[in-house]
Protein backbone atom coordinates (compact mmCIF):
# COMPACT_ATOMS: atom_id res chain seq x y z
CA MET A 1 40.08 -1.52 0.43
CA GLU A 2 36.89 0.79 1.61
CA ASN A 3 37.68 3.15 4.55
CA ILE A 4 35.47 2.05 7.56
CA ARG A 5 35.97 5.57 9.03
CA ASP A 6 34.52 7.06 5.39
CA ILE A 7 31.37 4.66 5.61
CA ILE A 8 30.31 5.07 8.86
CA VAL A 9 30.67 8.96 8.43
CA ALA A 10 28.80 8.64 5.25
CA LYS A 11 25.95 6.54 6.50
CA ILE A 12 25.60 7.36 10.26
CA ASP A 13 22.99 10.40 10.44
CA ILE A 14 25.18 12.62 13.07
CA LEU A 15 21.62 14.07 14.24
CA GLU A 16 19.70 11.13 14.59
CA TYR A 17 22.49 9.19 16.44
CA ILE A 18 23.15 12.50 18.96
CA SER A 19 19.57 12.79 19.31
CA GLN A 20 19.32 9.81 21.50
CA TYR A 21 21.40 11.39 23.83
CA VAL A 22 20.53 15.12 23.77
CA ASP A 23 17.44 16.87 23.59
CA LEU A 24 18.06 18.90 20.29
CA LYS A 25 15.76 21.67 18.84
CA LYS A 26 16.17 22.95 15.45
CA SER A 27 18.05 26.57 15.04
CA GLY A 28 18.56 27.61 11.75
CA LYS A 29 20.04 24.89 9.61
CA SER A 30 21.66 23.35 12.91
CA TYR A 31 20.27 21.85 16.24
CA LYS A 32 20.93 23.29 19.47
CA GLY A 33 20.78 21.44 23.06
CA LEU A 34 22.65 21.37 26.37
CA CYS A 35 26.10 19.83 26.03
CA PRO A 36 26.76 16.46 27.45
CA PHE A 37 30.30 16.99 28.40
CA HIS A 38 29.74 19.70 30.71
CA THR A 39 27.32 21.42 33.03
CA GLU A 40 25.52 23.91 31.72
CA LYS A 41 22.15 25.90 31.83
CA THR A 42 22.05 27.68 28.49
CA PRO A 43 22.32 25.58 25.49
CA SER A 44 25.66 25.84 23.62
CA PHE A 45 25.70 22.25 22.20
CA THR A 46 25.26 22.53 17.95
CA VAL A 47 24.77 19.75 15.60
CA THR A 48 24.99 20.97 12.12
CA PRO A 49 23.84 17.66 9.92
CA GLU A 50 24.64 19.23 6.72
CA LYS A 51 28.25 19.23 7.68
CA GLY A 52 28.11 16.31 10.07
CA LEU A 53 29.45 17.67 12.74
CA PHE A 54 28.84 18.67 16.61
CA HIS A 55 30.40 21.75 18.19
CA CYS A 56 30.03 23.16 21.73
CA PHE A 57 30.57 26.83 22.34
CA GLY A 58 30.72 26.32 26.01
CA CYS A 59 33.67 23.86 26.39
CA GLY A 60 35.06 23.52 22.91
CA ALA A 61 34.15 19.87 22.26
CA SER A 62 33.49 19.39 18.65
CA GLY A 63 33.92 16.63 15.82
CA ASN A 64 31.97 14.15 13.99
CA VAL A 65 29.95 11.16 14.86
CA ILE A 66 33.04 9.08 15.66
CA THR A 67 34.39 12.17 17.95
CA PHE A 68 31.30 11.79 19.84
CA VAL A 69 30.91 8.44 20.49
CA MET A 70 34.68 8.24 21.72
CA LYS A 71 34.37 11.27 24.28
CA TYR A 72 30.66 10.03 25.09
CA ASN A 73 31.49 6.46 25.92
CA ASN A 74 35.09 6.97 26.79
CA LEU A 75 36.17 4.71 23.68
CA SER A 76 39.22 4.42 21.71
CA PHE A 77 39.28 5.52 17.73
CA ILE A 78 39.17 1.62 16.90
CA ASP A 79 36.82 0.89 19.79
CA ALA A 80 34.60 3.72 18.43
CA LEU A 81 34.67 2.55 14.99
CA LYS A 82 33.84 -1.16 15.98
CA PHE A 83 30.82 0.54 17.92
CA LEU A 84 29.43 2.10 14.96
CA ALA A 85 30.29 -0.55 12.49
CA ALA A 86 27.90 -3.01 14.29
CA ARG A 87 25.21 -0.44 14.28
CA LEU A 88 25.47 -0.41 10.59
CA GLY A 89 25.44 -4.50 10.70
CA ILE A 90 28.95 -4.47 9.47
CA SER A 91 31.95 -5.84 11.62
CA MET A 92 35.62 -5.20 12.14
CA GLU A 93 38.60 -7.94 12.31
CA ARG A 94 40.46 -7.54 15.50
CA ASP A 95 43.08 -5.47 13.75
CA GLY A 96 40.65 -2.97 12.89
CA GLU A 97 40.39 -3.82 9.19
CA LEU A 98 36.91 -3.90 7.76
CA ASP A 99 35.03 -7.17 7.63
CA LYS A 100 33.58 -6.92 4.19
CA THR A 101 31.48 -9.72 4.26
CA ALA A 102 28.51 -7.71 5.40
CA LEU A 103 29.07 -5.33 2.85
CA ILE A 104 29.45 -7.48 0.00
CA LEU A 105 25.93 -9.05 1.11
CA LYS A 106 24.41 -5.72 1.01
CA LYS A 107 25.84 -4.84 -2.42
CA LEU A 108 24.48 -8.25 -3.99
CA HIS A 109 21.08 -7.15 -2.19
CA ASN A 110 21.25 -3.70 -3.81
CA GLU A 111 22.17 -4.83 -7.29
CA ILE A 112 19.07 -7.62 -7.27
CA LYS A 113 17.01 -4.57 -6.14
CA ASP A 114 18.19 -2.67 -9.43
CA ILE A 115 17.70 -5.47 -11.71
CA ALA A 116 14.13 -5.88 -10.66
CA MET A 117 13.00 -2.28 -10.52
CA SER A 118 14.40 -2.20 -14.35
CA LEU A 119 12.74 -5.21 -15.27
CA ILE A 120 9.32 -4.24 -13.76
CA LEU A 121 9.02 -1.38 -16.40
CA LYS A 122 9.01 -4.04 -18.82
CA ASP A 123 6.35 -6.34 -17.46
CA ASP A 124 2.87 -5.40 -17.71
CA LYS A 125 1.33 -8.08 -15.49
CA ALA A 126 3.32 -6.66 -12.57
CA LEU A 127 2.72 -3.04 -13.72
CA ASN A 128 -1.05 -3.59 -13.94
CA TYR A 129 -1.32 -5.49 -10.80
CA ILE A 130 0.15 -2.37 -9.18
CA LYS A 131 -2.54 -0.22 -11.06
CA ASP A 132 -5.09 -2.41 -10.24
CA ARG A 133 -4.36 -1.69 -6.40
CA GLY A 134 -4.54 1.94 -6.95
CA PHE A 135 -0.94 2.80 -7.34
CA ASP A 136 1.03 4.74 -10.03
CA LYS A 137 4.38 3.95 -11.43
CA ASP A 138 5.81 6.86 -8.92
CA ILE A 139 5.54 4.05 -6.36
CA ILE A 140 7.59 1.96 -8.20
CA ASP A 141 10.52 4.57 -7.69
CA SER A 142 9.63 5.50 -4.15
CA PHE A 143 9.75 1.88 -2.73
CA SER A 144 11.95 0.42 -5.17
CA LEU A 145 9.14 -2.34 -6.53
CA GLY A 146 10.44 -4.65 -8.90
CA ILE A 147 10.19 -8.40 -10.12
CA ILE A 148 12.08 -11.00 -11.75
CA ARG A 149 10.91 -13.75 -14.00
CA SER A 150 11.69 -17.43 -13.40
CA GLY A 151 14.51 -18.32 -15.99
CA PHE A 152 16.62 -15.09 -15.48
CA ASP A 153 20.20 -15.48 -15.79
CA PHE A 154 21.84 -14.78 -12.67
CA SER A 155 25.16 -16.72 -13.75
CA TYR A 156 27.33 -13.29 -13.96
CA ILE A 157 25.57 -12.40 -10.75
CA VAL A 158 27.07 -15.62 -8.89
CA LYS A 159 30.65 -15.39 -10.87
CA ARG A 160 30.50 -11.97 -9.29
CA TYR A 161 29.88 -12.60 -5.89
CA GLY A 162 31.07 -16.13 -5.39
CA VAL A 163 28.99 -18.85 -4.37
CA ASP A 164 29.77 -18.59 -0.53
CA VAL A 165 27.77 -15.22 -0.91
CA ILE A 166 24.93 -16.53 -2.71
CA LYS A 167 24.40 -19.31 -0.61
CA GLU A 168 24.78 -16.74 2.75
CA SER A 169 22.14 -14.34 1.25
CA GLY A 170 19.57 -17.27 1.31
CA LEU A 171 17.79 -15.68 -1.69
CA PHE A 172 18.77 -18.81 -3.91
CA LEU A 173 18.17 -22.62 -4.34
CA TYR A 174 20.94 -24.69 -5.91
CA LYS A 175 19.26 -26.87 -8.24
CA ASN A 176 20.28 -29.15 -11.18
CA GLY A 177 23.42 -27.11 -11.45
CA GLU A 178 22.10 -23.64 -11.49
CA ASN A 179 21.18 -20.90 -8.63
CA ILE A 180 17.31 -20.48 -8.86
CA PHE A 181 16.02 -17.15 -7.28
CA LYS A 182 13.57 -18.06 -4.94
CA LEU A 183 11.39 -15.10 -5.04
CA ALA A 184 11.06 -15.25 -9.03
CA ASP A 185 7.36 -14.35 -10.32
CA ARG A 186 6.95 -12.12 -7.40
CA LEU A 187 6.37 -8.61 -6.82
CA LEU A 188 9.46 -7.50 -4.84
CA PHE A 189 9.22 -5.38 -2.03
CA PRO A 190 13.09 -4.70 -1.17
CA ILE A 191 13.24 -4.33 2.71
CA LYS A 192 15.87 -1.49 3.77
CA ASP A 193 17.94 -0.84 6.87
CA ILE A 194 17.62 2.69 8.26
CA TYR A 195 20.33 3.95 6.08
CA GLY A 196 18.75 2.95 2.85
CA ASP A 197 20.63 -0.36 2.04
CA VAL A 198 18.51 -3.47 0.90
CA ILE A 199 19.21 -6.19 3.39
CA ALA A 200 16.14 -8.55 2.38
CA PHE A 201 13.23 -9.10 0.13
CA SER A 202 9.58 -9.97 0.15
CA GLY A 203 7.98 -11.11 -2.68
CA ARG A 204 4.14 -11.22 -2.76
CA SER A 205 2.16 -13.63 -5.42
CA LEU A 206 0.82 -11.69 -8.39
CA GLY A 207 -1.98 -14.46 -8.63
CA GLY A 208 -3.73 -16.85 -5.84
CA GLU A 209 -0.58 -18.69 -5.43
CA MET A 210 0.35 -19.91 -2.14
CA PRO A 211 2.05 -18.74 0.00
CA LYS A 212 0.83 -15.33 -0.38
CA TYR A 213 4.27 -13.99 0.85
CA ILE A 214 7.70 -15.53 0.55
CA ASN A 215 10.55 -13.70 2.66
CA SER A 216 14.37 -13.60 2.86
CA PRO A 217 15.57 -15.53 5.56
CA GLU A 218 17.62 -13.94 8.65
CA THR A 219 21.20 -13.18 7.45
CA LYS A 220 23.97 -11.47 9.08
CA ILE A 221 22.71 -8.36 7.78
CA PHE A 222 18.88 -9.10 8.39
CA LYS A 223 17.14 -9.77 11.90
CA LYS A 224 13.35 -8.93 11.27
CA GLY A 225 12.46 -8.16 14.90
CA THR A 226 14.97 -5.16 14.66
CA ILE A 227 13.95 -3.86 11.05
CA LEU A 228 10.63 -1.74 10.51
CA TYR A 229 9.79 -1.52 7.06
CA ASN A 230 10.20 2.22 5.25
CA LEU A 231 11.72 3.63 8.34
CA SER A 232 14.63 4.74 6.06
CA LEU A 233 12.40 6.75 4.24
CA ALA A 234 9.91 7.68 7.16
CA LYS A 235 12.48 8.71 9.66
CA ASP A 236 12.71 12.56 9.27
CA PHE A 237 8.80 12.67 8.67
CA ILE A 238 8.58 11.07 12.21
CA ARG A 239 10.97 13.10 13.92
CA ASP A 240 9.59 16.52 12.40
CA SER A 241 6.04 15.43 13.72
CA ARG A 242 7.30 13.59 16.61
CA SER A 243 4.66 10.86 16.08
CA CYS A 244 4.57 7.37 13.90
CA TYR A 245 1.53 5.39 12.41
CA ILE A 246 2.43 1.78 12.80
CA VAL A 247 0.66 -0.52 10.39
CA GLU A 248 0.76 -4.44 9.64
CA GLY A 249 1.83 -4.70 5.78
CA TYR A 250 3.90 -3.20 2.73
CA PHE A 251 0.47 -2.38 1.08
CA ASP A 252 -0.67 -0.90 4.21
CA VAL A 253 2.62 1.55 4.21
CA ILE A 254 2.14 2.36 0.65
CA ARG A 255 -1.68 3.11 0.86
CA MET A 256 -0.83 5.35 3.78
CA TRP A 257 2.31 6.97 2.07
CA SER A 258 0.38 7.65 -1.08
CA CYS A 259 -2.22 9.22 0.82
CA GLY A 260 0.08 11.92 2.52
CA TYR A 261 1.12 10.10 5.28
CA LYS A 262 4.69 9.98 5.11
CA ASN A 263 5.31 9.14 9.05
CA VAL A 264 4.33 5.49 8.64
CA VAL A 265 6.10 1.98 9.30
CA SER A 266 5.50 -1.66 9.16
CA SER A 267 6.61 -4.78 11.34
CA MET A 268 6.02 -6.58 8.19
CA GLY A 269 3.39 -8.66 9.67
CA THR A 270 5.25 -9.92 12.26
CA ALA A 271 4.87 -9.78 16.49
CA PHE A 272 6.07 -6.29 17.15
CA THR A 273 9.63 -6.32 19.25
CA LYS A 274 11.23 -4.18 21.78
CA ASP A 275 14.08 -3.79 19.51
CA GLN A 276 11.34 -2.10 17.00
CA ALA A 277 10.11 -0.13 19.75
CA ALA A 278 13.40 1.41 20.67
CA LEU A 279 14.00 2.21 17.29
CA ILE A 280 10.85 4.57 17.06
CA LYS A 281 11.51 6.00 20.27
CA ARG A 282 14.74 7.67 18.88
CA TYR A 283 11.97 9.70 16.67
CA ALA A 284 8.35 9.83 18.22
CA ASP A 285 6.85 10.65 21.46
CA ASN A 286 3.42 9.55 19.99
CA VAL A 287 2.60 6.44 18.38
CA VAL A 288 -0.49 5.35 16.40
CA ILE A 289 -0.95 1.61 15.68
CA LEU A 290 -3.52 0.74 12.71
CA TYR A 291 -3.66 -2.90 12.50
CA ASP A 292 -6.44 -4.83 11.09
CA GLY A 293 -9.90 -4.51 12.04
CA ASP A 294 -10.73 -8.00 12.90
CA GLN A 295 -10.34 -9.70 16.45
CA ALA A 296 -6.72 -10.71 15.46
CA GLY A 297 -5.51 -7.54 14.54
CA ILE A 298 -7.15 -5.86 17.64
CA ASN A 299 -5.44 -8.62 19.82
CA ALA A 300 -1.98 -7.74 18.12
CA ALA A 301 -2.51 -3.90 18.59
CA TYR A 302 -2.90 -4.38 22.43
CA LYS A 303 0.32 -6.40 22.33
CA THR A 304 2.24 -3.79 20.42
């Protein structure tokens, strides 16, 4: 059984988390701020991301992100684990053990991403499509782009994960005794959570097929209004610049990124939500909205 404590410590960025509660300034390899656990005028509270630890030289408080949550929220160890596990999109059973359903779903999505990335390198039509859009092969690696053609044999994947997980992913259609991948023959954009795990896909047609995009349905690990495309890659650039560009779509993000604007995210073509605004607020003080220049884009920009 995977240890939930180790998963939390490995996945959650302690600097990103504590920055929600403490105004931290870079100081060498660490970050300093006023301690949230006692009153002080001179910063003595430090966070060292490299080690995943915090320490206050004033009151002596120290530990990892779990310790911080316990102390800041006055929670028991188990309740702190549950609190942080929920942040990762996974849950725990009443006895404190890990509920693996969401974790297995993430593993399935990540394996499909790896398959699609390997196949696109052999797919001339998909590679030419990317080239015609003005991008090189480096973009495939940066954004984990891929493709899976119709007829690909997913039987070993179904056997490995089980039909219940396959069904819950919403990525397959069961027909004539087979699980058929719904996004076959489309350029796949993996959608990742803030920690870099694939939680959904969007598939774009390579020709004039409609609909232009087919997206994963909402699942236990994917709630569209709480996710921003590319935040896992962009968050450090947003934090460093304290600014963020919001664009409408996947290719808008990739175009900005390839032109050197790394602090860019997308709301994936849907209405911008308060949850997405709260995500950006963790990192940025200034936001620039770059939507389409037509009337619909202008209206959407004002609403955002």
